[in-house]
Amino acid sequence: KKTEVFALSFLDSGQKDMAAKFFKPQSRVGNKFADVEFYLGEVTGCPIISDSLGYVECQVRGTVEEGDHTVFVAEVVGAGIHREGDQLLLESTSWQYGG
């Protein structure tokens, strides 16, 4: 919320274990990027997972508060593709909700 920027890295279907780290609250797992290779995005300076399929960097343009959730409305300000592959999808895991 403070920086008004974020990045999303798109993981490969074989990276479920890595994705699981990011589903847990930071208070329980500490630095989620501790053993993940990443670099900082050129536009936002946000971490981008090096071994991801690709990424988008975003600038927050608005928020919607509902209960204990915040929905961010954002503009894509940068993007890239690292490699080809099948994207990890929530429906292909046994997970119901990611946070």
C-alpha atoms as a PDB file:
ATOM      1  CA  LYS A   1       0.000   0.000   0.000  1.00  0.00           C
ATOM      2  CA  LYS A   2       2.765   2.428   0.912  1.00  0.00           C
ATOM      3  CA  THR A   3       4.769   2.266  -2.319  1.00  0.00           C
ATOM      4  CA  GLU A   4       1.764   2.175  -4.681  1.00  0.00           C
ATOM      5  CA  VAL A   5       3.644  -0.204  -6.987  1.00  0.00           C
ATOM      6  CA  PHE A   6       3.826  -3.988  -7.242  1.00  0.00           C
ATOM      7  CA  ALA A   7       4.945  -6.753  -9.578  1.00  0.00           C
ATOM      8  CA  LEU A   8       3.376 -10.111 -10.406  1.00  0.00           C
ATOM      9  CA  SER A   9       5.570 -13.008 -11.533  1.00  0.00           C
ATOM     10  CA  PHE A  10       3.862 -15.797 -13.481  1.00  0.00           C
ATOM     11  CA  LEU A  11       5.102 -19.185 -12.286  1.00  0.00           C
ATOM     12  CA  ASP A  12       5.514 -22.397 -14.262  1.00  0.00           C
ATOM     13  CA  SER A  13       3.221 -25.354 -13.529  1.00  0.00           C
ATOM     14  CA  GLY A  14       6.186 -27.098 -11.868  1.00  0.00           C
ATOM     15  CA  GLN A  15       6.778 -24.282  -9.370  1.00  0.00           C
ATOM     16  CA  LYS A  16       3.971 -25.096  -6.924  1.00  0.00           C
ATOM     17  CA  ASP A  17       6.381 -25.375  -3.968  1.00  0.00           C
ATOM     18  CA  MET A  18       7.697 -21.884  -4.655  1.00  0.00           C
ATOM     19  CA  ALA A  19       4.165 -20.497  -4.951  1.00  0.00           C
ATOM     20  CA  ALA A  20       3.216 -22.076  -1.611  1.00  0.00           C
ATOM     21  CA  LYS A  21       5.751 -19.840   0.162  1.00  0.00           C
ATOM     22  CA  PHE A  22       3.896 -16.762  -1.022  1.00  0.00           C
ATOM     23  CA  PHE A  23       0.502 -18.027   0.213  1.00  0.00           C
ATOM     24  CA  LYS A  24       1.644 -17.919   3.845  1.00  0.00           C
ATOM     25  CA  PRO A  25       1.594 -14.729   5.949  1.00  0.00           C
ATOM     26  CA  GLN A  26       4.982 -13.003   6.148  1.00  0.00           C
ATOM     27  CA  SER A  27       4.685 -13.005   9.941  1.00  0.00           C
ATOM     28  CA  ARG A  28       4.889 -16.843   9.843  1.00  0.00           C
ATOM     29  CA  VAL A  29       7.562 -17.355   7.201  1.00  0.00           C
ATOM     30  CA  GLY A  30       9.685 -14.200   7.353  1.00  0.00           C
ATOM     31  CA  ASN A  31      11.312 -12.955   4.149  1.00  0.00           C
ATOM     32  CA  LYS A  32       9.461 -14.800   1.383  1.00  0.00           C
ATOM     33  CA  PHE A  33      12.257 -14.036  -1.099  1.00  0.00           C
ATOM     34  CA  ALA A  34      15.035 -15.386   1.181  1.00  0.00           C
ATOM     35  CA  ASP A  35      15.860 -18.384  -1.046  1.00  0.00           C
ATOM     36  CA  VAL A  36      14.245 -17.230  -4.298  1.00  0.00           C
ATOM     37  CA  GLU A  37      16.423 -15.753  -7.047  1.00  0.00           C
ATOM     38  CA  PHE A  38      14.985 -12.413  -8.130  1.00  0.00           C
ATOM     39  CA  TYR A  39      15.919  -9.046  -9.558  1.00  0.00           C
ATOM     40  CA  LEU A  40      14.345  -5.619  -9.172  1.00  0.00           C
ATOM     41  CA  GLY A  41      12.028  -4.412 -11.917  1.00  0.00           C
ATOM     42  CA  GLU A  42      13.294  -1.568 -14.081  1.00  0.00           C
ATOM     43  CA  VAL A  43      10.119   0.495 -13.730  1.00  0.00           C
ATOM     44  CA  THR A  44       8.888  -0.157 -10.174  1.00  0.00           C
ATOM     45  CA  GLY A  45      11.927  -1.539  -8.373  1.00  0.00           C
ATOM     46  CA  CYS A  46       9.767  -4.427  -7.139  1.00  0.00           C
ATOM     47  CA  PRO A  47      11.134  -7.989  -6.906  1.00  0.00           C
ATOM     48  CA  ILE A  48      10.610 -10.144 -10.005  1.00  0.00           C
ATOM     49  CA  ILE A  49      11.263 -13.885  -9.775  1.00  0.00           C
ATOM     50  CA  SER A  50      14.099 -14.698 -12.183  1.00  0.00           C
ATOM     51  CA  ASP A  51      12.891 -18.220 -13.019  1.00  0.00           C
ATOM     52  CA  SER A  52       9.285 -17.167 -13.669  1.00  0.00           C
ATOM     53  CA  LEU A  53       7.634 -17.402 -17.075  1.00  0.00           C
ATOM     54  CA  GLY A  54       7.214 -13.635 -17.131  1.00  0.00           C
ATOM     55  CA  TYR A  55       5.981 -10.684 -15.137  1.00  0.00           C
ATOM     56  CA  VAL A  56       4.042  -7.447 -15.042  1.00  0.00           C
ATOM     57  CA  GLU A  57       4.987  -4.327 -13.093  1.00  0.00           C
ATOM     58  CA  CYS A  58       2.060  -2.213 -11.927  1.00  0.00           C
ATOM     59  CA  GLN A  59       1.290   1.278 -10.619  1.00  0.00           C
ATOM     60  CA  VAL A  60      -1.683   1.457  -8.248  1.00  0.00           C
ATOM     61  CA  ARG A  61      -4.363   3.849  -9.521  1.00  0.00           C
ATOM     62  CA  GLY A  62      -7.022   3.153  -6.895  1.00  0.00           C
ATOM     63  CA  THR A  63      -8.148   0.850  -4.111  1.00  0.00           C
ATOM     64  CA  VAL A  64     -11.400  -0.678  -2.949  1.00  0.00           C
ATOM     65  CA  GLU A  65     -11.650  -1.602   0.742  1.00  0.00           C
ATOM     66  CA  GLU A  66     -14.077  -4.387   1.609  1.00  0.00           C
ATOM     67  CA  GLY A  67     -14.010  -6.038   5.031  1.00  0.00           C
ATOM     68  CA  ASP A  68     -10.454  -7.140   5.768  1.00  0.00           C
ATOM     69  CA  HIS A  69      -9.443  -7.084   2.069  1.00  0.00           C
ATOM     70  CA  THR A  70      -8.104  -4.412  -0.247  1.00  0.00           C
ATOM     71  CA  VAL A  71      -8.547  -4.701  -4.011  1.00  0.00           C
ATOM     72  CA  PHE A  72      -5.941  -2.757  -5.978  1.00  0.00           C
ATOM     73  CA  VAL A  73      -6.825  -1.185  -9.321  1.00  0.00           C
ATOM     74  CA  ALA A  74      -3.576  -0.801 -11.223  1.00  0.00           C
ATOM     75  CA  GLU A  75      -2.033   0.124 -14.548  1.00  0.00           C
ATOM     76  CA  VAL A  76       0.563  -2.176 -16.091  1.00  0.00           C
ATOM     77  CA  VAL A  77       3.675  -0.027 -16.537  1.00  0.00           C
ATOM     78  CA  GLY A  78       6.175  -2.731 -17.467  1.00  0.00           C
ATOM     79  CA  ALA A  79       6.157  -6.369 -18.551  1.00  0.00           C
ATOM     80  CA  GLY A  80       8.412  -9.085 -19.862  1.00  0.00           C
ATOM     81  CA  ILE A  81       8.666 -12.733 -20.848  1.00  0.00           C
ATOM     82  CA  HIS A  82      11.499 -14.888 -19.503  1.00  0.00           C
ATOM     83  CA  ARG A  83      10.630 -18.206 -21.145  1.00  0.00           C
ATOM     84  CA  GLU A  84       7.870 -20.383 -22.559  1.00  0.00           C
ATOM     85  CA  GLY A  85       5.973 -22.874 -20.404  1.00  0.00           C
ATOM     86  CA  ASP A  86       2.665 -23.857 -18.866  1.00  0.00           C
ATOM     87  CA  GLN A  87       1.505 -21.385 -16.231  1.00  0.00           C
ATOM     88  CA  LEU A  88       0.718 -22.538 -12.692  1.00  0.00           C
ATOM     89  CA  LEU A  89      -3.026 -22.067 -12.176  1.00  0.00           C
ATOM     90  CA  LEU A  90      -4.941 -22.165  -8.885  1.00  0.00           C
ATOM     91  CA  GLU A  91      -7.361 -24.689 -10.392  1.00  0.00           C
ATOM     92  CA  SER A  92      -4.500 -27.148 -10.982  1.00  0.00           C
ATOM     93  CA  THR A  93      -3.583 -27.159  -7.273  1.00  0.00           C
ATOM     94  CA  SER A  94      -5.565 -28.390  -4.289  1.00  0.00           C
ATOM     95  CA  TRP A  95      -5.689 -24.830  -2.925  1.00  0.00           C
ATOM     96  CA  GLN A  96      -8.914 -22.931  -2.456  1.00  0.00           C
ATOM     97  CA  TYR A  97      -7.701 -19.426  -1.646  1.00  0.00           C
ATOM     98  CA  GLY A  98      -4.416 -17.598  -1.814  1.00  0.00           C
ATOM     99  CA  GLY A  99      -4.778 -14.662   0.477  1.00  0.00           C
END
